[in-house]
Amino acid sequence: MRKITLCLCLIFSFYVSSAQTYNYHRFETYATAEKACVGNTSDAFVVKVNLDIDYLLNNGEYYVIDFGSNFNLGVRYAKVLNRYSGTGDADFYLNGSGIGSSKDVCSYVFNRYHRFETFTTLQKAKDRYCGNSTAHDGRYKVNILIDRLLDHDEVYQINLGGSLGTRYCRILNRYNGKGDADFSLDGQSIGNPININCVIDSDNDGIPDDQDNCPNESGPASNNGCPGEPDLSINLNGSVINSDCFGCDNYFSQIGTDRHYLNNPSGIANIDVLVQNLGNATSTSTTVGYYISANSTFESNSDTRIKTSNIGSLSTNSGDYSSVTLFTYDFNSVGGNFWLLIRVDDDDDNDESNENNNVFALRFAIN
């Protein structure tokens, strides 16, 4: 009979020991989620526990654990400092079957310190937010009962209660936990920050007013926000040259193969160029360039610019004269025959609808 009893006891003892799996965990525990979130170790109580649990809790994460009467801890927010499989030199043993998943202790509702400046209107808040004003209606320090920190530098609509009422509040700084505040506030009804767009685009063409040459007319970026594009060219019927060649035709449209020239050393040529804008957008002010060239085709790398004249802004389908006087010495002692090229929008100040009609070429010589 004694042998049977002894065997039963051994079997029961083996069954109990095989059913329990203890794993060692060392915790840093806090009485509240706020203290755990703030992480002030002076409020922490560290315990070592052999948990009856068949897995290891995640290192560095928080769990809500009921420690029961052990050290009079009760329910605590416990951060796993270190752990390993099997038992260790623990303060006590604990049944861990009620432990759930890890918790974000900073997502709980508790008081969080916020300092902000207030505005009575959204426009005032926008002007301050966008840097167009330094004015505000007040600054306050508030402990807000809420489940998150409000975003730094963002604007929220908040009912501050009392004589302040609802204000637009721009967050200056904040941190988890209570601070030295002017008053406390239940902020659980505070919504998302207000979306403030600081870019002013009056014509909604995607180009900010401060970069838009036509802020009240929609237009592409290629034309600086103005509708359409300009097209500058030389009106050949209205442009003339007077040189030392008295037998040459003067109007550009009639020169043909005539070769204008200057006598060395005191020749003078007066040129009046009628610049026209054939495009559907106003042009900006620009220049007319005068070049010495070996042929009738403009080549920026080889042609030599000897002079420029200015032309103001031209509205669509309008024109104006740009005039210059050339002297023999302007040609830098070049002698013989060459081409004189006249090029409008010479500094490429305008994005034109046609960039291939800017040059007029005429035969020229220094005698």
Protein backbone atom coordinates (compact mmCIF):
# COMPACT_ATOMS: atom_id res chain seq x y z
CA MET A 1 0.00 0.00 0.00
CA ARG A 2 2.84 2.36 0.86
CA LYS A 3 4.52 1.65 -2.49
CA ILE A 4 1.32 2.47 -4.38
CA THR A 5 0.90 5.76 -2.48
CA LEU A 6 4.51 6.72 -3.08
CA CYS A 7 4.19 6.04 -6.79
CA LEU A 8 1.01 8.14 -7.05
CA CYS A 9 2.75 11.03 -5.27
CA LEU A 10 5.71 10.86 -7.61
CA ILE A 11 3.43 10.80 -10.66
CA PHE A 12 1.40 13.81 -9.36
CA SER A 13 4.58 15.72 -8.56
CA PHE A 14 5.95 15.05 -12.05
CA TYR A 15 2.68 16.16 -13.64
CA VAL A 16 2.59 19.44 -11.71
CA SER A 17 6.24 20.27 -12.42
CA SER A 18 5.88 19.51 -16.12
CA ALA A 19 2.74 21.69 -16.40
CA GLN A 20 4.49 24.82 -15.03
CA THR A 21 7.03 26.79 -17.13
CA TYR A 22 8.78 29.63 -15.34
CA ASN A 23 10.74 32.32 -17.12
CA TYR A 24 12.76 34.99 -15.35
CA HIS A 25 11.84 38.68 -15.91
CA ARG A 26 13.18 41.84 -14.34
CA PHE A 27 10.73 44.79 -14.44
CA GLU A 28 10.80 48.54 -13.85
CA THR A 29 7.28 49.27 -12.60
CA TYR A 30 5.21 52.43 -12.25
CA ALA A 31 1.96 53.13 -10.47
CA THR A 32 0.41 55.08 -13.38
CA ALA A 33 0.70 55.25 -17.17
CA GLU A 34 1.71 58.91 -16.87
CA LYS A 35 4.69 58.09 -14.66
CA ALA A 36 5.65 55.25 -16.98
CA CYS A 37 5.44 57.53 -20.04
CA VAL A 38 7.47 60.27 -18.38
CA GLY A 39 9.96 57.62 -17.23
CA ASN A 40 11.12 59.29 -14.02
CA THR A 41 13.08 56.46 -12.39
CA SER A 42 12.62 58.02 -8.94
CA ASP A 43 8.96 56.89 -9.20
CA ALA A 44 9.93 53.39 -10.34
CA PHE A 45 10.05 50.16 -8.33
CA VAL A 46 12.20 47.37 -9.75
CA VAL A 47 11.25 43.75 -9.13
CA LYS A 48 12.56 40.36 -10.26
CA VAL A 49 9.90 37.77 -11.01
CA ASN A 50 9.78 34.16 -12.11
CA LEU A 51 6.71 34.24 -14.33
CA ASP A 52 4.61 31.15 -14.92
CA ILE A 53 4.48 31.78 -18.66
CA ASP A 54 5.66 29.73 -21.63
CA TYR A 55 7.22 32.63 -23.60
CA LEU A 56 9.40 35.66 -22.96
CA LEU A 57 7.90 39.15 -22.84
CA ASN A 58 9.45 41.68 -25.24
CA ASN A 59 12.46 43.46 -23.88
CA GLY A 60 12.01 47.24 -23.46
CA GLU A 61 8.20 47.14 -23.81
CA TYR A 62 5.51 47.84 -21.20
CA TYR A 63 2.86 45.45 -19.89
CA VAL A 64 0.02 45.94 -17.42
CA ILE A 65 0.64 43.33 -14.70
CA ASP A 66 -1.19 42.57 -11.46
CA PHE A 67 1.59 41.77 -8.98
CA GLY A 68 -0.97 41.15 -6.27
CA SER A 69 0.10 41.55 -2.65
CA ASN A 70 3.78 41.13 -3.40
CA PHE A 71 5.45 44.23 -1.98
CA ASN A 72 1.92 45.72 -2.01
CA LEU A 73 2.40 46.50 -5.68
CA GLY A 74 -0.99 45.56 -7.10
CA VAL A 75 -1.54 46.53 -10.75
CA ARG A 76 1.49 48.26 -12.23
CA TYR A 77 2.78 49.42 -15.62
CA ALA A 78 5.86 47.23 -16.00
CA LYS A 79 8.75 47.72 -18.41
CA VAL A 80 10.81 44.65 -19.23
CA LEU A 81 14.45 45.39 -18.39
CA ASN A 82 15.83 41.94 -19.09
CA ARG A 83 14.63 38.31 -19.19
CA TYR A 84 15.71 34.82 -19.95
CA SER A 85 14.28 31.33 -20.12
CA GLY A 86 14.03 29.41 -16.88
CA THR A 87 14.01 30.53 -13.27
CA GLY A 88 16.41 33.00 -11.72
CA ASP A 89 17.16 34.76 -8.45
CA ALA A 90 13.69 36.35 -8.27
CA ASP A 91 11.85 38.26 -5.55
CA PHE A 92 8.80 36.03 -6.03
CA TYR A 93 6.92 33.71 -8.36
CA LEU A 94 3.85 34.91 -10.26
CA ASN A 95 1.17 33.42 -12.46
CA GLY A 96 1.48 35.25 -15.79
CA SER A 97 -1.57 33.85 -17.53
CA GLY A 98 -3.43 37.18 -17.35
CA ILE A 99 -0.70 39.22 -19.06
CA GLY A 100 -1.80 40.44 -22.47
CA SER A 101 0.05 42.23 -25.25
CA SER A 102 2.43 45.11 -24.69
CA LYS A 103 1.04 48.63 -24.18
CA ASP A 104 1.93 52.11 -25.40
CA VAL A 105 1.93 53.84 -22.03
CA CYS A 106 2.03 57.27 -23.69
CA SER A 107 -1.33 56.66 -25.39
CA TYR A 108 -3.28 56.71 -22.13
CA VAL A 109 -5.27 59.74 -21.05
CA PHE A 110 -3.38 61.86 -18.51
CA ASN A 111 -2.30 65.47 -18.06
CA ARG A 112 0.26 66.77 -20.53
CA TYR A 113 1.89 70.19 -20.35
CA HIS A 114 1.38 72.55 -23.30
CA ARG A 115 2.44 76.15 -23.81
CA PHE A 116 0.77 78.02 -26.65
CA GLU A 117 -0.15 81.43 -28.02
CA THR A 118 -3.77 82.22 -28.79
CA PHE A 119 -5.64 84.13 -31.50
CA THR A 120 -9.25 85.27 -31.64
CA THR A 121 -9.53 84.64 -35.39
CA LEU A 122 -8.14 82.08 -37.81
CA GLN A 123 -6.77 84.86 -40.03
CA LYS A 124 -4.65 86.18 -37.15
CA ALA A 125 -3.36 82.67 -36.50
CA LYS A 126 -2.56 82.22 -40.20
CA ASP A 127 -0.71 85.54 -40.40
CA ARG A 128 1.40 84.54 -37.41
CA TYR A 129 1.93 80.97 -38.65
CA CYS A 130 3.00 82.18 -42.11
CA GLY A 131 5.35 84.82 -40.73
CA ASN A 132 3.30 87.79 -41.87
CA SER A 133 2.70 89.05 -38.32
CA THR A 134 4.21 88.90 -34.84
CA ALA A 135 0.94 89.67 -33.04
CA HIS A 136 -0.98 87.28 -30.78
CA ASP A 137 -3.78 87.70 -28.22
CA GLY A 138 -2.10 85.90 -25.34
CA ARG A 139 0.20 83.12 -24.18
CA TYR A 140 -0.79 80.40 -21.71
CA LYS A 141 0.63 77.33 -19.99
CA VAL A 142 -1.96 74.56 -19.66
CA ASN A 143 -2.04 71.00 -18.35
CA ILE A 144 -4.32 69.27 -20.86
CA LEU A 145 -6.00 65.95 -20.00
CA ILE A 146 -5.54 64.14 -23.31
CA ASP A 147 -4.23 60.90 -24.82
CA ARG A 148 -1.44 62.48 -26.91
CA LEU A 149 0.82 65.47 -27.26
CA LEU A 150 -0.46 68.15 -29.62
CA ASP A 151 1.85 68.77 -32.58
CA HIS A 152 4.52 71.42 -32.13
CA ASP A 153 3.99 74.67 -34.11
CA GLU A 154 0.56 73.55 -35.38
CA VAL A 155 -2.69 75.48 -34.82
CA TYR A 156 -5.70 73.91 -33.03
CA GLN A 157 -9.15 75.27 -32.28
CA ILE A 158 -9.57 74.81 -28.51
CA ASN A 159 -12.30 75.83 -26.07
CA LEU A 160 -10.28 77.24 -23.17
CA GLY A 161 -13.39 77.94 -21.12
CA GLY A 162 -14.07 80.91 -18.84
CA SER A 163 -13.53 84.38 -20.27
CA LEU A 164 -11.20 83.04 -23.00
CA GLY A 165 -13.72 80.80 -24.73
CA THR A 166 -12.78 79.21 -28.03
CA ARG A 167 -9.43 80.33 -29.44
CA TYR A 168 -7.03 79.33 -32.18
CA CYS A 169 -3.95 78.03 -30.38
CA ARG A 170 -0.47 77.62 -31.84
CA ILE A 171 1.62 75.11 -29.88
CA LEU A 172 4.98 76.53 -28.77
CA ASN A 173 6.27 73.62 -26.67
CA ARG A 174 4.91 70.61 -24.79
CA TYR A 175 5.87 67.48 -22.89
CA ASN A 176 4.30 64.45 -21.25
CA GLY A 177 3.24 64.96 -17.64
CA LYS A 178 2.15 67.93 -15.59
CA GLY A 179 4.02 71.20 -15.54
CA ASP A 180 3.84 74.62 -13.91
CA ALA A 181 0.66 75.64 -15.75
CA ASP A 182 -1.75 78.58 -15.56
CA PHE A 183 -4.72 76.20 -15.54
CA SER A 184 -5.86 72.69 -16.40
CA LEU A 185 -8.13 71.65 -19.25
CA ASP A 186 -9.97 68.55 -20.39
CA GLY A 187 -8.75 68.26 -23.96
CA GLN A 188 -10.33 65.00 -25.07
CA SER A 189 -12.57 66.89 -27.51
CA ILE A 190 -9.62 68.55 -29.28
CA GLY A 191 -9.48 67.46 -32.91
CA ASN A 192 -6.77 67.52 -35.55
CA PRO A 193 -4.63 70.58 -36.31
CA ILE A 194 -5.97 73.10 -38.81
CA ASN A 195 -4.39 72.84 -42.26
CA ILE A 196 -2.93 76.27 -43.01
CA ASN A 197 -1.57 76.94 -46.49
CA CYS A 198 0.86 79.86 -46.46
CA VAL A 199 1.19 80.05 -50.25
CA ILE A 200 -0.89 82.84 -51.79
CA ASP A 201 -1.95 81.98 -55.35
CA SER A 202 -4.73 84.38 -56.33
CA ASP A 203 -5.32 82.89 -59.81
CA ASN A 204 -4.81 79.23 -58.76
CA ASP A 205 -2.32 78.53 -61.54
CA GLY A 206 0.17 76.85 -59.20
CA ILE A 207 2.55 79.83 -59.17
CA PRO A 208 2.71 81.84 -55.90
CA ASP A 209 1.79 85.50 -56.25
CA ASP A 210 5.31 86.62 -55.29
CA GLN A 211 6.65 84.68 -58.31
CA ASP A 212 3.73 85.34 -60.68
CA ASN A 213 4.02 88.19 -63.21
CA CYS A 214 0.25 87.95 -63.72
CA PRO A 215 -1.14 87.09 -60.24
CA ASN A 216 -4.74 87.66 -61.33
CA GLU A 217 -4.48 85.79 -64.66
CA SER A 218 -3.80 82.07 -64.89
CA GLY A 219 -0.77 81.15 -66.97
CA PRO A 220 2.05 78.58 -67.24
CA ALA A 221 5.30 78.69 -65.29
CA SER A 222 7.18 78.92 -68.61
CA ASN A 223 5.63 82.38 -69.02
CA ASN A 224 6.05 83.38 -65.34
CA GLY A 225 2.36 82.81 -64.62
CA CYS A 226 1.01 84.89 -67.48
CA PRO A 227 -1.37 83.43 -70.06
CA GLY A 228 0.29 82.25 -73.26
CA GLU A 229 3.81 83.14 -74.38
CA PRO A 230 5.35 86.16 -76.13
CA ASP A 231 6.96 85.95 -79.57
CA LEU A 232 9.48 88.71 -80.31
CA SER A 233 10.74 89.35 -83.84
CA ILE A 234 11.96 92.20 -86.07
CA ASN A 235 9.42 93.98 -88.25
CA LEU A 236 11.39 94.25 -91.52
CA ASN A 237 9.04 96.81 -93.06
CA GLY A 238 9.53 99.25 -90.20
CA SER A 239 13.25 98.73 -89.47
CA VAL A 240 15.86 100.91 -91.21
CA ILE A 241 19.63 101.41 -91.40
CA ASN A 242 21.51 104.46 -92.60
CA SER A 243 25.23 103.92 -93.25
CA ASP A 244 27.97 105.37 -95.46
CA CYS A 245 26.45 103.41 -98.36
CA PHE A 246 24.18 106.12 -99.77
CA GLY A 247 23.15 103.95 -102.70
CA CYS A 248 21.92 101.05 -100.54
CA ASP A 249 18.27 100.48 -99.72
CA ASN A 250 17.57 101.45 -96.12
CA TYR A 251 14.56 99.36 -95.11
CA PHE A 252 15.41 95.85 -93.94
CA SER A 253 12.70 94.41 -96.18
CA GLN A 254 14.29 95.98 -99.30
CA ILE A 255 18.04 95.63 -98.64
CA GLY A 256 18.37 92.31 -100.46
CA THR A 257 22.00 91.78 -101.48
CA ASP A 258 23.10 95.37 -100.85
CA ARG A 259 26.13 95.64 -98.59
CA HIS A 260 26.07 98.51 -96.13
CA TYR A 261 29.46 99.77 -94.97
CA LEU A 262 31.34 102.29 -92.86
CA ASN A 263 34.36 104.26 -93.99
CA ASN A 264 37.45 103.92 -91.83
CA PRO A 265 38.13 105.66 -89.51
CA SER A 266 35.08 107.92 -88.99
CA GLY A 267 32.08 106.08 -90.38
CA ILE A 268 28.64 106.20 -88.68
CA ALA A 269 25.60 103.95 -89.02
CA ASN A 270 22.21 104.66 -87.42
CA ILE A 271 19.90 101.67 -86.98
CA ASP A 272 16.26 101.78 -85.88
CA VAL A 273 14.88 98.30 -85.18
CA LEU A 274 11.12 97.90 -84.89
CA VAL A 275 10.66 95.04 -82.41
CA GLN A 276 7.22 93.42 -82.47
CA ASN A 277 5.47 90.93 -80.17
CA LEU A 278 3.43 88.48 -82.23
CA GLY A 279 2.68 86.19 -79.28
CA ASN A 280 -0.33 85.98 -76.97
CA ALA A 281 1.42 87.14 -73.80
CA THR A 282 3.18 90.30 -72.69
CA SER A 283 6.97 90.20 -72.97
CA THR A 284 9.44 91.44 -70.37
CA SER A 285 12.02 94.14 -71.05
CA THR A 286 14.96 92.80 -72.99
CA THR A 287 17.85 93.74 -75.28
CA VAL A 288 18.74 93.84 -78.97
CA GLY A 289 22.24 92.58 -79.74
CA TYR A 290 24.50 93.53 -82.68
CA TYR A 291 27.07 90.93 -83.80
CA ILE A 292 29.97 90.50 -86.20
CA SER A 293 29.59 87.14 -87.91
CA ALA A 294 31.29 85.12 -90.66
CA ASN A 295 27.90 84.00 -92.01
CA SER A 296 24.20 84.78 -91.81
CA THR A 297 23.50 82.24 -89.04
CA PHE A 298 23.75 83.25 -85.39
CA GLU A 299 26.29 81.16 -83.48
CA SER A 300 26.75 82.23 -79.88
CA ASN A 301 30.15 80.56 -79.52
CA SER A 302 31.81 82.26 -82.48
CA ASP A 303 29.92 85.50 -83.22
CA THR A 304 31.14 88.68 -81.50
CA ARG A 305 28.66 91.04 -79.89
CA ILE A 306 29.79 94.64 -80.30
CA LYS A 307 26.82 96.57 -78.92
CA THR A 308 23.31 96.35 -77.46
CA SER A 309 20.21 98.49 -77.27
CA ASN A 310 17.23 98.13 -74.97
CA ILE A 311 13.55 97.44 -75.61
CA GLY A 312 10.82 97.70 -73.00
CA SER A 313 7.97 95.33 -72.21
CA LEU A 314 5.63 94.74 -75.15
CA SER A 315 2.02 93.71 -74.92
CA THR A 316 0.68 91.20 -77.42
CA ASN A 317 0.43 92.46 -81.04
CA SER A 318 2.36 95.64 -80.26
CA GLY A 319 5.80 96.96 -81.21
CA ASP A 320 8.37 99.62 -80.38
CA TYR A 321 11.69 100.92 -81.67
CA SER A 322 15.09 100.12 -80.29
CA SER A 323 17.81 102.36 -81.76
CA VAL A 324 21.60 102.32 -81.82
CA THR A 325 24.46 104.26 -83.44
CA LEU A 326 27.47 102.27 -84.61
CA PHE A 327 30.91 103.81 -85.22
CA THR A 328 33.85 102.37 -87.08
CA TYR A 329 35.76 101.81 -83.83
CA ASP A 330 32.85 99.67 -82.49
CA PHE A 331 33.95 96.97 -84.92
CA ASN A 332 37.32 96.54 -83.19
CA SER A 333 39.44 97.23 -86.31
CA VAL A 334 37.70 94.51 -88.31
CA GLY A 335 38.16 95.23 -91.98
CA GLY A 336 36.68 93.87 -95.20
CA ASN A 337 33.39 92.09 -95.69
CA PHE A 338 31.35 90.27 -93.01
CA TRP A 339 27.78 89.90 -91.78
CA LEU A 340 26.09 92.17 -89.24
CA LEU A 341 23.54 90.18 -87.23
CA ILE A 342 20.77 91.90 -85.27
CA ARG A 343 19.16 89.69 -82.63
CA VAL A 344 16.12 90.54 -80.45
CA ASP A 345 15.64 89.11 -76.94
CA ASP A 346 19.38 88.79 -76.98
CA ASP A 347 19.69 87.92 -73.26
CA ASP A 348 16.91 85.31 -73.53
CA ASP A 349 14.76 87.11 -70.97
CA ASN A 350 11.55 85.67 -72.48
CA ASP A 351 10.31 82.13 -72.98
CA GLU A 352 8.94 82.57 -76.50
CA SER A 353 6.53 80.47 -78.48
CA ASN A 354 8.97 80.79 -81.43
CA GLU A 355 12.69 81.16 -80.73
CA ASN A 356 13.69 80.89 -84.40
CA ASN A 357 12.62 84.32 -85.70
CA ASN A 358 14.81 86.62 -83.59
CA VAL A 359 17.71 87.30 -86.01
CA PHE A 360 18.09 89.54 -89.06
CA ALA A 361 21.32 89.31 -91.10
CA LEU A 362 22.68 91.92 -93.50
CA ARG A 363 25.92 92.13 -95.46
CA PHE A 364 28.34 94.67 -94.04
CA ALA A 365 31.86 95.96 -94.54
CA ILE A 366 34.47 98.34 -93.14
CA ASN A 367 36.19 100.18 -95.99
